[in-house]
Amino acid sequence: MLTLLTASTPVFDWQGFLKVLGLALVFGCGVVVVLSTGIALYAQSTDHHGGKKALSLSGAGLCLLIVISAVAFGLYELLNK
């Protein structure tokens, strides 16, 4: 009986599950943080003038591009399976 149990393959792949769970948490939270930073930079751009306004707007634009590219990459990976 012991030989039968040790020779069987596991039903659930815990290593793969934990890898997917960790990546989902890291990238899911990362996209939210980047989007929040972009919104905060855009809100600060209304208070500044000149160079600081341009820096805030360019930072907000960069954050928006990062979020859009992350969503596009996720859709690309989802549709090419």
Protein backbone atom coordinates (compact mmCIF):
# COMPACT_ATOMS: atom_id res chain seq x y z
CA MET A 1 0.00 0.00 0.00
CA LEU A 2 2.85 2.39 0.81
CA THR A 3 4.47 1.82 -2.58
CA LEU A 4 1.21 2.62 -4.32
CA LEU A 5 0.85 5.95 -2.50
CA THR A 6 4.43 7.10 -3.04
CA ALA A 7 4.35 6.29 -6.76
CA SER A 8 1.21 8.31 -7.46
CA THR A 9 1.39 11.80 -8.90
CA PRO A 10 -0.01 14.73 -6.94
CA VAL A 11 -3.46 15.90 -7.93
CA PHE A 12 -2.76 19.59 -7.42
CA ASP A 13 0.40 21.46 -8.46
CA TRP A 14 1.06 23.64 -5.41
CA GLN A 15 4.29 25.10 -6.75
CA GLY A 16 2.60 26.34 -9.91
CA PHE A 17 -0.36 27.65 -7.93
CA LEU A 18 1.83 29.61 -5.54
CA LYS A 19 3.85 31.05 -8.44
CA VAL A 20 0.71 32.29 -10.18
CA LEU A 21 -0.73 33.62 -6.92
CA GLY A 22 2.46 35.52 -6.10
CA LEU A 23 2.75 37.06 -9.56
CA ALA A 24 -0.92 38.05 -9.52
CA LEU A 25 -0.53 39.77 -6.16
CA VAL A 26 2.67 41.58 -7.10
CA PHE A 27 1.53 42.78 -10.51
CA GLY A 28 -2.05 43.44 -9.41
CA CYS A 29 -0.91 45.65 -6.55
CA GLY A 30 1.84 47.17 -8.70
CA VAL A 31 -0.59 48.35 -11.38
CA VAL A 32 -2.81 49.92 -8.72
CA VAL A 33 0.14 51.72 -7.11
CA VAL A 34 1.37 53.05 -10.47
CA LEU A 35 -2.12 54.24 -11.42
CA SER A 36 -2.56 55.94 -8.03
CA THR A 37 0.80 57.66 -8.41
CA GLY A 38 -0.19 58.89 -11.86
CA ILE A 39 -3.47 60.28 -10.55
CA ALA A 40 -1.68 62.03 -7.69
CA LEU A 41 0.88 63.55 -10.06
CA TYR A 42 -1.86 64.77 -12.36
CA ALA A 43 -3.71 66.34 -9.43
CA GLN A 44 -0.51 68.10 -8.32
CA SER A 45 0.04 69.53 -11.80
CA THR A 46 -2.85 71.94 -11.31
CA ASP A 47 -1.06 73.54 -8.34
CA HIS A 48 2.30 74.02 -10.07
CA HIS A 49 3.50 76.32 -12.83
CA GLY A 50 6.34 76.06 -15.32
CA GLY A 51 8.84 73.25 -14.93
CA LYS A 52 7.14 71.57 -12.00
CA LYS A 53 3.87 71.39 -13.91
CA ALA A 54 5.59 69.84 -16.92
CA LEU A 55 7.37 67.33 -14.67
CA SER A 56 4.12 66.36 -12.94
CA LEU A 57 2.28 65.97 -16.25
CA SER A 58 5.06 63.91 -17.81
CA GLY A 59 5.20 61.66 -14.73
CA ALA A 60 1.44 61.18 -14.87
CA GLY A 61 1.65 60.37 -18.58
CA LEU A 62 4.42 57.84 -17.96
CA CYS A 63 2.36 56.16 -15.24
CA LEU A 64 -0.63 56.01 -17.57
CA LEU A 65 1.49 54.42 -20.32
CA ILE A 66 2.79 51.81 -17.87
CA VAL A 67 -0.75 50.88 -16.82
CA ILE A 68 -2.02 50.74 -20.42
CA SER A 69 0.92 48.56 -21.47
CA ALA A 70 0.37 46.19 -18.51
CA VAL A 71 -3.31 45.80 -19.42
CA ALA A 72 -2.46 45.29 -23.11
CA PHE A 73 0.16 42.66 -22.22
CA GLY A 74 -2.34 40.85 -20.00
CA LEU A 75 -4.94 40.80 -22.76
CA TYR A 76 -2.32 39.62 -25.27
CA GLU A 77 -1.30 36.73 -23.02
CA LEU A 78 -4.91 35.84 -22.32
CA LEU A 79 -5.95 35.76 -25.98
CA ASN A 80 -2.89 33.81 -27.22
CA LYS A 81 -3.46 30.75 -25.07
